[in-house]
Every structure is written in structure tokens, then in C-alpha cells.
PDB file of N, CA and C in Angstrom:
ATOM      1  N   UNK A   1       0.809  -1.584   0.204  1.00  0.00           N
ATOM      2  CA  UNK A   1      -0.095   0.090  -0.003  1.00  0.00           C
ATOM      3  C   UNK A   1       0.921   1.405   0.004  1.00  0.00           C
ATOM      4  N   UNK A   2       1.870   1.181   0.848  1.00  0.00           N
ATOM      5  CA  UNK A   2       3.111   2.377   1.024  1.00  0.00           C
ATOM      6  C   UNK A   2       3.714   2.763  -0.098  1.00  0.00           C
ATOM      7  N   UNK A   3       4.047   1.389  -1.051  1.00  0.00           N
ATOM      8  CA  UNK A   3       4.663   1.888  -2.111  1.00  0.00           C
ATOM      9  C   UNK A   3       4.114   2.447  -3.296  1.00  0.00           C
ATOM     10  N   UNK A   4       2.710   2.059  -3.299  1.00  0.00           N
ATOM     11  CA  UNK A   4       1.672   2.461  -3.967  1.00  0.00           C
ATOM     12  C   UNK A   4       1.159   3.863  -4.044  1.00  0.00           C
ATOM     13  N   UNK A   5       1.313   4.218  -2.929  1.00  0.00           N
ATOM     14  CA  UNK A   5       1.134   5.393  -2.469  1.00  0.00           C
ATOM     15  C   UNK A   5       2.188   6.545  -2.939  1.00  0.00           C
ATOM     16  N   UNK A   6       3.670   5.939  -2.774  1.00  0.00           N
ATOM     17  CA  UNK A   6       4.777   7.000  -3.320  1.00  0.00           C
ATOM     18  C   UNK A   6       4.890   6.871  -4.539  1.00  0.00           C
ATOM     19  N   UNK A   7       4.475   6.006  -4.944  1.00  0.00           N
ATOM     20  CA  UNK A   7       4.591   5.591  -6.817  1.00  0.00           C
ATOM     21  C   UNK A   7       3.596   6.959  -7.299  1.00  0.00           C
ATOM     22  N   UNK A   8       2.719   6.503  -6.742  1.00  0.00           N
ATOM     23  CA  UNK A   8       1.202   7.888  -7.177  1.00  0.00           C
ATOM     24  C   UNK A   8       1.976   9.356  -7.054  1.00  0.00           C
ATOM     25  N   UNK A   9       2.676   9.399  -5.970  1.00  0.00           N
ATOM     26  CA  UNK A   9       2.749  10.882  -5.665  1.00  0.00           C
ATOM     27  C   UNK A   9       4.162  11.585  -6.702  1.00  0.00           C
ATOM     28  N   UNK A  10       4.713  10.159  -7.106  1.00  0.00           N
ATOM     29  CA  UNK A  10       5.931  10.393  -7.903  1.00  0.00           C
ATOM     30  C   UNK A  10       5.469  10.967  -9.376  1.00  0.00           C
ATOM     31  N   UNK A  11       4.670  10.015  -9.426  1.00  0.00           N
ATOM     32  CA  UNK A  11       3.679  10.278 -10.699  1.00  0.00           C
ATOM     33  C   UNK A  11       3.155  11.674 -11.112  1.00  0.00           C
ATOM     34  N   UNK A  12       2.609  12.169 -10.272  1.00  0.00           N
ATOM     35  CA  UNK A  12       1.793  13.374  -9.751  1.00  0.00           C
ATOM     36  C   UNK A  12       2.864  14.233 -10.123  1.00  0.00           C
ATOM     37  N   UNK A  13       3.586  14.457  -9.630  1.00  0.00           N
ATOM     38  CA  UNK A  13       4.609  15.016  -9.119  1.00  0.00           C
ATOM     39  C   UNK A  13       5.571  15.479 -10.496  1.00  0.00           C
ATOM     40  N   UNK A  14       5.800  14.129 -10.679  1.00  0.00           N
ATOM     41  CA  UNK A  14       6.725  13.691 -12.195  1.00  0.00           C
ATOM     42  C   UNK A  14       5.829  14.713 -13.889  1.00  0.00           C
ATOM     43  N   UNK A  15       4.565  14.649 -13.386  1.00  0.00           N
ATOM     44  CA  UNK A  15       3.927  15.141 -14.456  1.00  0.00           C
ATOM     45  C   UNK A  15       4.092  16.449 -14.863  1.00  0.00           C
ATOM     46  N   UNK A  16       4.291  16.957 -14.070  1.00  0.00           N
ATOM     47  CA  UNK A  16       4.464  18.825 -14.238  1.00  0.00           C
ATOM     48  C   UNK A  16       5.734  18.769 -14.758  1.00  0.00           C
ATOM     49  N   UNK A  17       6.403  17.975 -14.849  1.00  0.00           N
ATOM     50  CA  UNK A  17       7.620  18.496 -15.631  1.00  0.00           C
ATOM     51  C   UNK A  17       7.394  18.561 -16.655  1.00  0.00           C
ATOM     52  N   UNK A  18       6.444  17.797 -17.519  1.00  0.00           N
ATOM     53  CA  UNK A  18       6.045  17.735 -19.243  1.00  0.00           C
ATOM     54  C   UNK A  18       4.998  18.925 -19.531  1.00  0.00           C
ATOM     55  N   UNK A  19       4.479  19.540 -18.303  1.00  0.00           N
ATOM     56  CA  UNK A  19       3.840  21.135 -18.938  1.00  0.00           C
ATOM     57  C   UNK A  19       4.072  21.536 -19.841  1.00  0.00           C
ATOM     58  N   UNK A  20       3.400  22.566 -20.893  1.00  0.00           N
ATOM     59  CA  UNK A  20       3.924  23.389 -21.504  1.00  0.00           C
ATOM     60  C   UNK A  20       4.416  24.171 -20.563  1.00  0.00           C
ATOM     61  N   UNK A  21       5.631  25.274 -21.446  1.00  0.00           N
ATOM     62  CA  UNK A  21       6.015  26.415 -21.051  1.00  0.00           C
ATOM     63  C   UNK A  21       6.849  25.901 -19.739  1.00  0.00           C
ATOM     64  N   UNK A  22       7.102  27.311 -18.694  1.00  0.00           N
ATOM     65  CA  UNK A  22       8.067  26.723 -17.730  1.00  0.00           C
ATOM     66  C   UNK A  22       7.671  27.322 -16.164  1.00  0.00           C
ATOM     67  N   UNK A  23       5.985  27.462 -16.270  1.00  0.00           N
ATOM     68  CA  UNK A  23       5.236  27.647 -15.858  1.00  0.00           C
ATOM     69  C   UNK A  23       5.084  29.392 -14.664  1.00  0.00           C
ATOM     70  N   UNK A  24       5.811  29.769 -15.438  1.00  0.00           N
ATOM     71  CA  UNK A  24       6.066  31.214 -14.862  1.00  0.00           C
ATOM     72  C   UNK A  24       5.154  32.145 -15.673  1.00  0.00           C
ATOM     73  N   UNK A  25       4.401  33.380 -14.774  1.00  0.00           N
ATOM     74  CA  UNK A  25       3.749  33.850 -15.630  1.00  0.00           C
ATOM     75  C   UNK A  25       3.384  35.095 -14.876  1.00  0.00           C
ATOM     76  N   UNK A  26       2.601  36.016 -15.281  1.00  0.00           N
ATOM     77  CA  UNK A  26       2.402  37.340 -14.915  1.00  0.00           C
ATOM     78  C   UNK A  26       1.242  37.136 -13.293  1.00  0.00           C
ATOM     79  N   UNK A  27       1.284  38.057 -12.564  1.00  0.00           N
ATOM     80  CA  UNK A  27       0.593  38.201 -11.401  1.00  0.00           C
ATOM     81  C   UNK A  27      -0.923  38.400 -11.586  1.00  0.00           C
ATOM     82  N   UNK A  28      -1.742  37.524 -11.806  1.00  0.00           N
ATOM     83  CA  UNK A  28      -2.908  37.866 -11.990  1.00  0.00           C
ATOM     84  C   UNK A  28      -3.713  39.703 -11.491  1.00  0.00           C
ATOM     85  N   UNK A  29      -2.870  39.492 -10.193  1.00  0.00           N
ATOM     86  CA  UNK A  29      -3.634  40.546  -9.095  1.00  0.00           C
ATOM     87  C   UNK A  29      -2.858  42.072  -9.814  1.00  0.00           C
ATOM     88  N   UNK A  30      -1.317  41.647 -10.369  1.00  0.00           N
ATOM     89  CA  UNK A  30      -0.680  42.765 -11.221  1.00  0.00           C
ATOM     90  C   UNK A  30      -1.402  43.432 -12.249  1.00  0.00           C
ATOM     91  N   UNK A  31      -1.869  42.413 -12.576  1.00  0.00           N
ATOM     92  CA  UNK A  31      -3.050  42.545 -14.328  1.00  0.00           C
ATOM     93  C   UNK A  31      -3.866  43.331 -14.102  1.00  0.00           C
ATOM     94  N   UNK A  32      -4.881  42.963 -13.091  1.00  0.00           N
ATOM     95  CA  UNK A  32      -5.935  43.617 -12.774  1.00  0.00           C
ATOM     96  C   UNK A  32      -5.912  45.076 -12.284  1.00  0.00           C
ATOM     97  N   UNK A  33      -4.523  45.479 -10.983  1.00  0.00           N
ATOM     98  CA  UNK A  33      -4.136  46.829 -10.781  1.00  0.00           C
ATOM     99  C   UNK A  33      -4.366  47.433 -12.047  1.00  0.00           C
ATOM    100  N   UNK A  34      -3.407  46.947 -13.036  1.00  0.00           N
ATOM    101  CA  UNK A  34      -3.011  48.001 -14.289  1.00  0.00           C
ATOM    102  C   UNK A  34      -4.358  48.370 -15.464  1.00  0.00           C
ATOM    103  N   UNK A  35      -5.350  47.271 -14.886  1.00  0.00           N
ATOM    104  CA  UNK A  35      -6.680  47.168 -15.903  1.00  0.00           C
ATOM    105  C   UNK A  35      -7.308  48.250 -15.231  1.00  0.00           C
ATOM    106  N   UNK A  36      -7.275  48.774 -14.105  1.00  0.00           N
ATOM    107  CA  UNK A  36      -7.865  49.530 -13.126  1.00  0.00           C
ATOM    108  C   UNK A  36      -7.482  50.978 -12.797  1.00  0.00           C
ATOM    109  N   UNK A  37      -6.053  50.969 -13.018  1.00  0.00           N
ATOM    110  CA  UNK A  37      -5.670  52.181 -12.439  1.00  0.00           C
ATOM    111  C   UNK A  37      -4.402  52.855 -12.902  1.00  0.00           C
ATOM    112  N   UNK A  38      -3.994  52.108 -14.370  1.00  0.00           N
ATOM    113  CA  UNK A  38      -3.157  52.338 -15.459  1.00  0.00           C
ATOM    114  C   UNK A  38      -1.894  52.723 -15.183  1.00  0.00           C
ATOM    115  N   UNK A  39      -1.445  52.266 -13.505  1.00  0.00           N
ATOM    116  CA  UNK A  39      -0.502  52.296 -13.174  1.00  0.00           C
ATOM    117  C   UNK A  39       0.175  50.732 -12.662  1.00  0.00           C
ATOM    118  N   UNK A  40       1.357  50.654 -12.634  1.00  0.00           N
ATOM    119  CA  UNK A  40       1.728  49.175 -11.925  1.00  0.00           C
ATOM    120  C   UNK A  40       3.157  49.067 -12.015  1.00  0.00           C
ATOM    121  N   UNK A  41       3.741  49.813 -11.220  1.00  0.00           N
ATOM    122  CA  UNK A  41       4.867  50.140 -10.897  1.00  0.00           C
ATOM    123  C   UNK A  41       5.615  48.791 -10.226  1.00  0.00           C
ATOM    124  N   UNK A  42       6.805  48.065 -10.699  1.00  0.00           N
ATOM    125  CA  UNK A  42       7.398  47.038 -10.140  1.00  0.00           C
ATOM    126  C   UNK A  42       6.413  46.253  -9.951  1.00  0.00           C
ATOM    127  N   UNK A  43       5.431  45.974 -11.631  1.00  0.00           N
ATOM    128  CA  UNK A  43       4.452  44.326 -11.086  1.00  0.00           C
ATOM    129  C   UNK A  43       5.143  43.731 -11.999  1.00  0.00           C
ATOM    130  N   UNK A  44       4.804  42.439 -12.042  1.00  0.00           N
ATOM    131  CA  UNK A  44       5.469  41.051 -12.440  1.00  0.00           C
ATOM    132  C   UNK A  44       3.902  41.058 -13.522  1.00  0.00           C
ATOM    133  N   UNK A  45       4.632  41.320 -14.488  1.00  0.00           N
ATOM    134  CA  UNK A  45       3.618  41.167 -16.101  1.00  0.00           C
ATOM    135  C   UNK A  45       4.389  40.315 -17.000  1.00  0.00           C
ATOM    136  N   UNK A  46       4.982  39.634 -16.482  1.00  0.00           N
ATOM    137  CA  UNK A  46       5.659  38.285 -17.845  1.00  0.00           C
ATOM    138  C   UNK A  46       5.398  37.540 -18.107  1.00  0.00           C
ATOM    139  N   UNK A  47       5.225  37.510 -19.599  1.00  0.00           N
ATOM    140  CA  UNK A  47       4.486  36.469 -20.465  1.00  0.00           C
ATOM    141  C   UNK A  47       3.255  36.931 -20.398  1.00  0.00           C
ATOM    142  N   UNK A  48       2.505  38.290 -19.699  1.00  0.00           N
ATOM    143  CA  UNK A  48       1.404  38.366 -20.036  1.00  0.00           C
ATOM    144  C   UNK A  48       0.877  38.747 -21.484  1.00  0.00           C
ATOM    145  N   UNK A  49      -0.593  38.695 -21.768  1.00  0.00           N
ATOM    146  CA  UNK A  49      -0.826  39.159 -23.132  1.00  0.00           C
ATOM    147  C   UNK A  49      -1.353  40.467 -23.124  1.00  0.00           C
ATOM    148  N   UNK A  50      -0.507  41.409 -24.064  1.00  0.00           N
ATOM    149  CA  UNK A  50      -0.967  42.665 -23.597  1.00  0.00           C
ATOM    150  C   UNK A  50      -1.046  43.252 -24.994  1.00  0.00           C
ATOM    151  N   UNK A  51      -1.331  42.463 -25.987  1.00  0.00           N
ATOM    152  CA  UNK A  51      -1.689  42.737 -27.571  1.00  0.00           C
ATOM    153  C   UNK A  51      -2.509  43.808 -27.378  1.00  0.00           C
ATOM    154  N   UNK A  52      -2.536  45.110 -28.455  1.00  0.00           N
ATOM    155  CA  UNK A  52      -3.631  45.997 -28.710  1.00  0.00           C
ATOM    156  C   UNK A  52      -4.461  46.172 -27.382  1.00  0.00           C
ATOM    157  N   UNK A  53      -3.594  46.432 -26.607  1.00  0.00           N
ATOM    158  CA  UNK A  53      -3.968  47.231 -25.276  1.00  0.00           C
ATOM    159  C   UNK A  53      -3.503  48.514 -25.861  1.00  0.00           C
ATOM    160  N   UNK A  54      -4.467  49.776 -25.273  1.00  0.00           N
ATOM    161  CA  UNK A  54      -4.030  51.173 -24.775  1.00  0.00           C
ATOM    162  C   UNK A  54      -3.357  51.436 -23.494  1.00  0.00           C
ATOM    163  N   UNK A  55      -2.151  51.505 -23.239  1.00  0.00           N
ATOM    164  CA  UNK A  55      -1.438  51.700 -21.959  1.00  0.00           C
ATOM    165  C   UNK A  55      -1.053  53.470 -22.467  1.00  0.00           C
ATOM    166  N   UNK A  56      -1.689  53.989 -22.943  1.00  0.00           N
ATOM    167  CA  UNK A  56      -1.088  55.655 -23.025  1.00  0.00           C
ATOM    168  C   UNK A  56      -1.017  56.098 -21.310  1.00  0.00           C
ATOM    169  N   UNK A  57       0.218  56.894 -21.017  1.00  0.00           N
ATOM    170  CA  UNK A  57       0.480  57.259 -19.742  1.00  0.00           C
ATOM    171  C   UNK A  57       0.473  56.549 -18.814  1.00  0.00           C
ATOM    172  N   UNK A  58       0.753  55.068 -19.340  1.00  0.00           N
ATOM    173  CA  UNK A  58       0.974  54.307 -17.868  1.00  0.00           C
ATOM    174  C   UNK A  58       2.018  54.188 -17.135  1.00  0.00           C
ATOM    175  N   UNK A  59       1.747  54.191 -15.642  1.00  0.00           N
ATOM    176  CA  UNK A  59       3.119  54.003 -14.964  1.00  0.00           C
ATOM    177  C   UNK A  59       3.640  52.780 -14.616  1.00  0.00           C
ATOM    178  N   UNK A  60       4.363  51.878 -15.432  1.00  0.00           N
ATOM    179  CA  UNK A  60       5.169  50.643 -15.647  1.00  0.00           C
ATOM    180  C   UNK A  60       6.574  50.839 -15.015  1.00  0.00           C
ATOM    181  N   UNK A  61       6.726  51.508 -14.465  1.00  0.00           N
ATOM    182  CA  UNK A  61       8.234  51.803 -14.129  1.00  0.00           C
ATOM    183  C   UNK A  61       8.907  50.974 -13.500  1.00  0.00           C
ATOM    184  N   UNK A  62       9.805  50.045 -13.647  1.00  0.00           N
ATOM    185  CA  UNK A  62      10.648  49.320 -12.487  1.00  0.00           C
ATOM    186  C   UNK A  62       9.732  47.454 -13.300  1.00  0.00           C
ATOM    187  N   UNK A  63       8.716  47.440 -14.225  1.00  0.00           N
ATOM    188  CA  UNK A  63       7.536  46.202 -14.199  1.00  0.00           C
ATOM    189  C   UNK A  63       8.205  45.377 -15.231  1.00  0.00           C
ATOM    190  N   UNK A  64       7.913  44.025 -14.649  1.00  0.00           N
ATOM    191  CA  UNK A  64       8.828  43.107 -15.476  1.00  0.00           C
ATOM    192  C   UNK A  64       7.466  42.321 -16.553  1.00  0.00           C
ATOM    193  N   UNK A  65       8.186  42.725 -17.812  1.00  0.00           N
ATOM    194  CA  UNK A  65       7.031  42.440 -18.802  1.00  0.00           C
ATOM    195  C   UNK A  65       7.680  41.579 -19.776  1.00  0.00           C
ATOM    196  N   UNK A  66       9.304  40.829 -18.993  1.00  0.00           N
ATOM    197  CA  UNK A  66      10.114  39.790 -20.000  1.00  0.00           C
ATOM    198  C   UNK A  66       8.500  38.644 -20.765  1.00  0.00           C
ATOM    199  N   UNK A  67       9.170  38.402 -21.680  1.00  0.00           N
ATOM    200  CA  UNK A  67       8.071  37.598 -22.702  1.00  0.00           C
ATOM    201  C   UNK A  67       6.829  37.984 -22.733  1.00  0.00           C
ATOM    202  N   UNK A  68       6.308  39.312 -22.423  1.00  0.00           N
ATOM    203  CA  UNK A  68       4.847  39.691 -22.843  1.00  0.00           C
ATOM    204  C   UNK A  68       4.941  39.626 -24.181  1.00  0.00           C
ATOM    205  N   UNK A  69       3.265  39.700 -24.897  1.00  0.00           N
ATOM    206  CA  UNK A  69       3.292  39.762 -26.245  1.00  0.00           C
ATOM    207  C   UNK A  69       2.786  41.441 -26.213  1.00  0.00           C
ATOM    208  N   UNK A  70       3.273  42.136 -27.053  1.00  0.00           N
ATOM    209  CA  UNK A  70       3.218  43.671 -27.131  1.00  0.00           C
ATOM    210  C   UNK A  70       3.109  44.005 -27.983  1.00  0.00           C
ATOM    211  N   UNK A  71       2.354  42.972 -28.875  1.00  0.00           N
ATOM    212  CA  UNK A  71       2.078  43.594 -30.572  1.00  0.00           C
ATOM    213  C   UNK A  71       0.919  44.295 -30.777  1.00  0.00           C
ATOM    214  N   UNK A  72       0.804  45.452 -31.026  1.00  0.00           N
ATOM    215  CA  UNK A  72      -0.051  46.674 -31.166  1.00  0.00           C
ATOM    216  C   UNK A  72      -0.720  47.052 -29.935  1.00  0.00           C
ATOM    217  N   UNK A  73       0.485  47.099 -29.277  1.00  0.00           N
ATOM    218  CA  UNK A  73       0.386  47.921 -27.868  1.00  0.00           C
ATOM    219  C   UNK A  73       0.586  49.117 -27.333  1.00  0.00           C
ATOM    220  N   UNK A  74      -0.559  49.815 -26.993  1.00  0.00           N
ATOM    221  CA  UNK A  74      -0.316  51.535 -27.495  1.00  0.00           C
ATOM    222  C   UNK A  74       0.996  51.951 -25.786  1.00  0.00           C
ATOM    223  N   UNK A  75       2.091  52.188 -25.796  1.00  0.00           N
ATOM    224  CA  UNK A  75       2.698  52.698 -24.802  1.00  0.00           C
ATOM    225  C   UNK A  75       3.247  54.234 -25.349  1.00  0.00           C
ATOM    226  N   UNK A  76       2.425  55.167 -25.730  1.00  0.00           N
ATOM    227  CA  UNK A  76       2.529  56.651 -26.057  1.00  0.00           C
ATOM    228  C   UNK A  76       2.723  56.967 -24.436  1.00  0.00           C
ATOM    229  N   UNK A  77       3.786  57.850 -23.947  1.00  0.00           N
ATOM    230  CA  UNK A  77       3.912  58.745 -23.022  1.00  0.00           C
ATOM    231  C   UNK A  77       4.134  58.028 -21.825  1.00  0.00           C
ATOM    232  N   UNK A  78       4.092  56.126 -21.573  1.00  0.00           N
ATOM    233  CA  UNK A  78       4.359  55.705 -20.902  1.00  0.00           C
ATOM    234  C   UNK A  78       5.599  55.862 -20.233  1.00  0.00           C
ATOM    235  N   UNK A  79       5.399  55.509 -18.809  1.00  0.00           N
ATOM    236  CA  UNK A  79       6.771  55.402 -18.109  1.00  0.00           C
ATOM    237  C   UNK A  79       7.197  54.110 -17.731  1.00  0.00           C
ATOM    238  N   UNK A  80       8.232  53.645 -18.663  1.00  0.00           N
ATOM    239  CA  UNK A  80       9.088  52.449 -18.462  1.00  0.00           C
ATOM    240  C   UNK A  80      10.286  52.224 -18.236  1.00  0.00           C
ATOM    241  N   UNK A  81      10.716  53.722 -17.433  1.00  0.00           N
ATOM    242  CA  UNK A  81      11.640  53.762 -16.667  1.00  0.00           C
ATOM    243  C   UNK A  81      12.192  52.019 -15.716  1.00  0.00           C
ATOM    244  N   UNK A  82      13.365  51.796 -16.097  1.00  0.00           N
ATOM    245  CA  UNK A  82      13.794  50.547 -15.700  1.00  0.00           C
ATOM    246  C   UNK A  82      13.151  49.308 -15.657  1.00  0.00           C
ATOM    247  N   UNK A  83      12.012  49.362 -16.728  1.00  0.00           N
ATOM    248  CA  UNK A  83      11.341  48.186 -17.116  1.00  0.00           C
ATOM    249  C   UNK A  83      12.184  46.913 -17.442  1.00  0.00           C
ATOM    250  N   UNK A  84      11.579  45.441 -17.761  1.00  0.00           N
ATOM    251  CA  UNK A  84      12.288  44.583 -18.276  1.00  0.00           C
ATOM    252  C   UNK A  84      11.530  43.764 -19.441  1.00  0.00           C
ATOM    253  N   UNK A  85      12.052  43.817 -20.377  1.00  0.00           N
ATOM    254  CA  UNK A  85      10.717  44.211 -21.567  1.00  0.00           C
ATOM    255  C   UNK A  85      12.075  42.762 -22.301  1.00  0.00           C
ATOM    256  N   UNK A  86      12.750  42.398 -21.856  1.00  0.00           N
ATOM    257  CA  UNK A  86      13.958  40.981 -22.631  1.00  0.00           C
ATOM    258  C   UNK A  86      12.623  40.032 -22.882  1.00  0.00           C
ATOM    259  N   UNK A  87      12.680  39.701 -23.858  1.00  0.00           N
ATOM    260  CA  UNK A  87      12.307  38.374 -24.818  1.00  0.00           C
ATOM    261  C   UNK A  87      10.654  38.888 -24.794  1.00  0.00           C
ATOM    262  N   UNK A  88      10.254  40.150 -25.002  1.00  0.00           N
ATOM    263  CA  UNK A  88       8.947  40.815 -25.149  1.00  0.00           C
ATOM    264  C   UNK A  88       8.800  40.905 -26.918  1.00  0.00           C
ATOM    265  N   UNK A  89       7.217  40.309 -27.394  1.00  0.00           N
ATOM    266  CA  UNK A  89       7.043  40.382 -28.426  1.00  0.00           C
ATOM    267  C   UNK A  89       6.736  41.819 -28.978  1.00  0.00           C
ATOM    268  N   UNK A  90       7.185  42.555 -30.293  1.00  0.00           N
ATOM    269  CA  UNK A  90       6.679  43.516 -30.395  1.00  0.00           C
ATOM    270  C   UNK A  90       6.156  43.393 -31.953  1.00  0.00           C
ATOM    271  N   UNK A  91       5.694  44.904 -32.517  1.00  0.00           N
ATOM    272  CA  UNK A  91       5.369  44.314 -34.468  1.00  0.00           C
ATOM    273  C   UNK A  91       5.498  46.076 -34.426  1.00  0.00           C
ATOM    274  N   UNK A  92       5.186  45.791 -35.580  1.00  0.00           N
ATOM    275  CA  UNK A  92       5.078  47.705 -36.324  1.00  0.00           C
ATOM    276  C   UNK A  92       4.225  48.302 -35.897  1.00  0.00           C
ATOM    277  N   UNK A  93       3.258  47.690 -35.268  1.00  0.00           N
ATOM    278  CA  UNK A  93       1.838  48.545 -34.797  1.00  0.00           C
ATOM    279  C   UNK A  93       2.072  49.080 -33.449  1.00  0.00           C
ATOM    280  N   UNK A  94       3.352  48.412 -32.741  1.00  0.00           N
ATOM    281  CA  UNK A  94       3.645  48.501 -30.940  1.00  0.00           C
ATOM    282  C   UNK A  94       3.943  50.297 -30.989  1.00  0.00           C
ATOM    283  N   UNK A  95       3.541  50.699 -30.373  1.00  0.00           N
ATOM    284  CA  UNK A  95       3.678  52.635 -30.147  1.00  0.00           C
ATOM    285  C   UNK A  95       4.124  52.804 -28.914  1.00  0.00           C
ATOM    286  N   UNK A  96       5.585  53.108 -28.574  1.00  0.00           N
ATOM    287  CA  UNK A  96       6.530  53.524 -28.154  1.00  0.00           C
ATOM    288  C   UNK A  96       6.762  55.328 -27.937  1.00  0.00           C
ATOM    289  N   UNK A  97       5.613  55.775 -28.555  1.00  0.00           N
ATOM    290  CA  UNK A  97       6.296  57.496 -29.128  1.00  0.00           C
ATOM    291  C   UNK A  97       5.964  58.094 -27.831  1.00  0.00           C
ATOM    292  N   UNK A  98       6.916  58.617 -27.178  1.00  0.00           N
ATOM    293  CA  UNK A  98       6.906  60.016 -25.485  1.00  0.00           C
ATOM    294  C   UNK A  98       7.393  58.759 -24.727  1.00  0.00           C
ATOM    295  N   UNK A  99       7.244  57.293 -24.896  1.00  0.00           N
ATOM    296  CA  UNK A  99       7.600  56.629 -23.266  1.00  0.00           C
ATOM    297  C   UNK A  99       9.017  56.924 -23.298  1.00  0.00           C
ATOM    298  N   UNK A 100       8.987  56.764 -21.975  1.00  0.00           N
ATOM    299  CA  UNK A 100      10.172  57.036 -21.179  1.00  0.00           C
ATOM    300  C   UNK A 100      10.949  55.223 -20.664  1.00  0.00           C
ATOM    301  N   UNK A 101      11.957  55.510 -21.503  1.00  0.00           N
ATOM    302  CA  UNK A 101      12.731  54.486 -21.349  1.00  0.00           C
ATOM    303  C   UNK A 101      14.124  54.378 -20.800  1.00  0.00           C
ATOM    304  N   UNK A 102      14.576  55.244 -19.701  1.00  0.00           N
ATOM    305  CA  UNK A 102      15.635  55.065 -19.212  1.00  0.00           C
ATOM    306  C   UNK A 102      15.798  53.751 -18.766  1.00  0.00           C
ATOM    307  N   UNK A 103      16.840  53.257 -18.471  1.00  0.00           N
ATOM    308  CA  UNK A 103      17.477  52.157 -18.054  1.00  0.00           C
ATOM    309  C   UNK A 103      16.364  51.036 -18.171  1.00  0.00           C
ATOM    310  N   UNK A 104      15.764  50.893 -19.227  1.00  0.00           N
ATOM    311  CA  UNK A 104      14.878  49.487 -19.713  1.00  0.00           C
ATOM    312  C   UNK A 104      15.767  48.831 -20.685  1.00  0.00           C
ATOM    313  N   UNK A 105      15.322  47.946 -19.739  1.00  0.00           N
ATOM    314  CA  UNK A 105      15.524  46.265 -20.512  1.00  0.00           C
ATOM    315  C   UNK A 105      15.401  46.035 -22.245  1.00  0.00           C
ATOM    316  N   UNK A 106      15.755  46.082 -23.052  1.00  0.00           N
ATOM    317  CA  UNK A 106      14.798  46.261 -24.232  1.00  0.00           C
ATOM    318  C   UNK A 106      14.663  44.806 -24.376  1.00  0.00           C
ATOM    319  N   UNK A 107      13.925  44.522 -25.661  1.00  0.00           N
ATOM    320  CA  UNK A 107      13.542  43.238 -26.569  1.00  0.00           C
ATOM    321  C   UNK A 107      14.605  42.144 -26.142  1.00  0.00           C
ATOM    322  N   UNK A 108      15.976  42.719 -27.250  1.00  0.00           N
ATOM    323  CA  UNK A 108      16.710  42.170 -27.528  1.00  0.00           C
ATOM    324  C   UNK A 108      18.003  41.755 -26.122  1.00  0.00           C
ATOM    325  N   UNK A 109      17.535  42.708 -25.061  1.00  0.00           N
ATOM    326  CA  UNK A 109      18.367  42.064 -23.837  1.00  0.00           C
ATOM    327  C   UNK A 109      19.458  43.372 -23.365  1.00  0.00           C
ATOM    328  N   UNK A 110      19.411  44.528 -24.562  1.00  0.00           N
ATOM    329  CA  UNK A 110      20.122  45.837 -24.161  1.00  0.00           C
ATOM    330  C   UNK A 110      19.228  46.606 -23.444  1.00  0.00           C
ATOM    331  N   UNK A 111      20.389  47.332 -22.252  1.00  0.00           N
ATOM    332  CA  UNK A 111      19.829  48.177 -21.484  1.00  0.00           C
ATOM    333  C   UNK A 111      19.887  49.678 -21.939  1.00  0.00           C
ATOM    334  N   UNK A 112      18.491  50.414 -22.404  1.00  0.00           N
ATOM    335  CA  UNK A 112      18.344  51.923 -22.790  1.00  0.00           C
ATOM    336  C   UNK A 112      18.793  52.732 -22.149  1.00  0.00           C
ATOM    337  N   UNK A 113      19.770  53.495 -22.785  1.00  0.00           N
ATOM    338  CA  UNK A 113      20.530  54.508 -21.998  1.00  0.00           C
ATOM    339  C   UNK A 113      19.863  55.718 -21.286  1.00  0.00           C
ATOM    340  N   UNK A 114      19.911  56.138 -20.186  1.00  0.00           N
ATOM    341  CA  UNK A 114      19.505  57.005 -19.491  1.00  0.00           C
ATOM    342  C   UNK A 114      18.564  58.169 -20.451  1.00  0.00           C
ATOM    343  N   UNK A 115      17.782  58.968 -19.832  1.00  0.00           N
ATOM    344  CA  UNK A 115      17.215  60.087 -21.277  1.00  0.00           C
ATOM    345  C   UNK A 115      16.568  59.464 -22.448  1.00  0.00           C
ATOM    346  N   UNK A 116      16.509  57.748 -22.502  1.00  0.00           N
ATOM    347  CA  UNK A 116      15.956  57.505 -23.976  1.00  0.00           C
ATOM    348  C   UNK A 116      14.105  57.753 -23.587  1.00  0.00           C
ATOM    349  N   UNK A 117      13.805  58.524 -24.969  1.00  0.00           N
ATOM    350  CA  UNK A 117      12.403  58.493 -25.101  1.00  0.00           C
ATOM    351  C   UNK A 117      11.848  57.702 -26.166  1.00  0.00           C
ATOM    352  N   UNK A 118      10.759  57.293 -26.061  1.00  0.00           N
ATOM    353  CA  UNK A 118      10.449  56.508 -27.494  1.00  0.00           C
ATOM    354  C   UNK A 118      10.995  55.165 -28.275  1.00  0.00           C
ATOM    355  N   UNK A 119      12.372  55.504 -27.957  1.00  0.00           N
ATOM    356  CA  UNK A 119      12.999  54.631 -28.525  1.00  0.00           C
ATOM    357  C   UNK A 119      14.020  54.146 -27.744  1.00  0.00           C
ATOM    358  N   UNK A 120      14.753  52.581 -27.720  1.00  0.00           N
ATOM    359  CA  UNK A 120      15.832  52.194 -26.549  1.00  0.00           C
ATOM    360  C   UNK A 120      16.814  52.660 -27.576  1.00  0.00           C
ATOM    361  N   UNK A 121      18.181  53.780 -26.908  1.00  0.00           N
ATOM    362  CA  UNK A 121      19.384  54.354 -27.243  1.00  0.00           C
ATOM    363  C   UNK A 121      20.184  53.458 -26.445  1.00  0.00           C
TER     364      UNK A 121
END
């Protein structure tokens, strides 16, 4: 009986190793905060689907947006100072016009210079 219970536990725990992805993703409470206040500095929005969302003027300073889907997202005049965008996906419709990008880790992993606005320099 005990061997069966141990074997069952090993199988259950081992099955989690084969789930798609690495299991790490955004904090749903942080997503709710962003949706209701347009402010979410230092939030975990990693791997979130923000495609096509208008985040004009949002405060996302220090937010973790790594691996997020940013296709068509509008970040005009948003505060992304020190945010992590590494591995995020964007397209030609993604708008960073006027966004504050000082010390932001860009999608390709490079760090934007202080004073970067609208594009990572």
C-alpha cells in the first residue's frame, strides 16, 4: 500500500515536468491593478498578453514585462523607466512614442541609456 502511494506521488509530481512552458507567468493581481488604475510600477507582467491594449500614459516603471506579447500595444507617454522587456514580442503597430525608457532592458536584452524617450538608445 505504501509503495503504491509513493509511486502515485512520484507520477503526479513528475507529470508537472511535462507541462508546456516553464510555469512562470504574470501575477493576475498585477494585471487587475494595471487594468483599473493604469499604474503598475514594479509589477510582474511577465508573459502577459497585452496585445492591442492602449496603455497610453501608464506607469510601468520597474515592471517585469519579459516575454510579454506587446503586439499593437500603445505605450505613448508611458513610464517604462527600468522596466524589463527582454524577450517580449512587438510589431510595427507597437507604439513607444514618447515613452520614458531610461534603464529599460530592451527586448533584445540591451539596456536603454538614461534619457531614452520613444526608442531605446
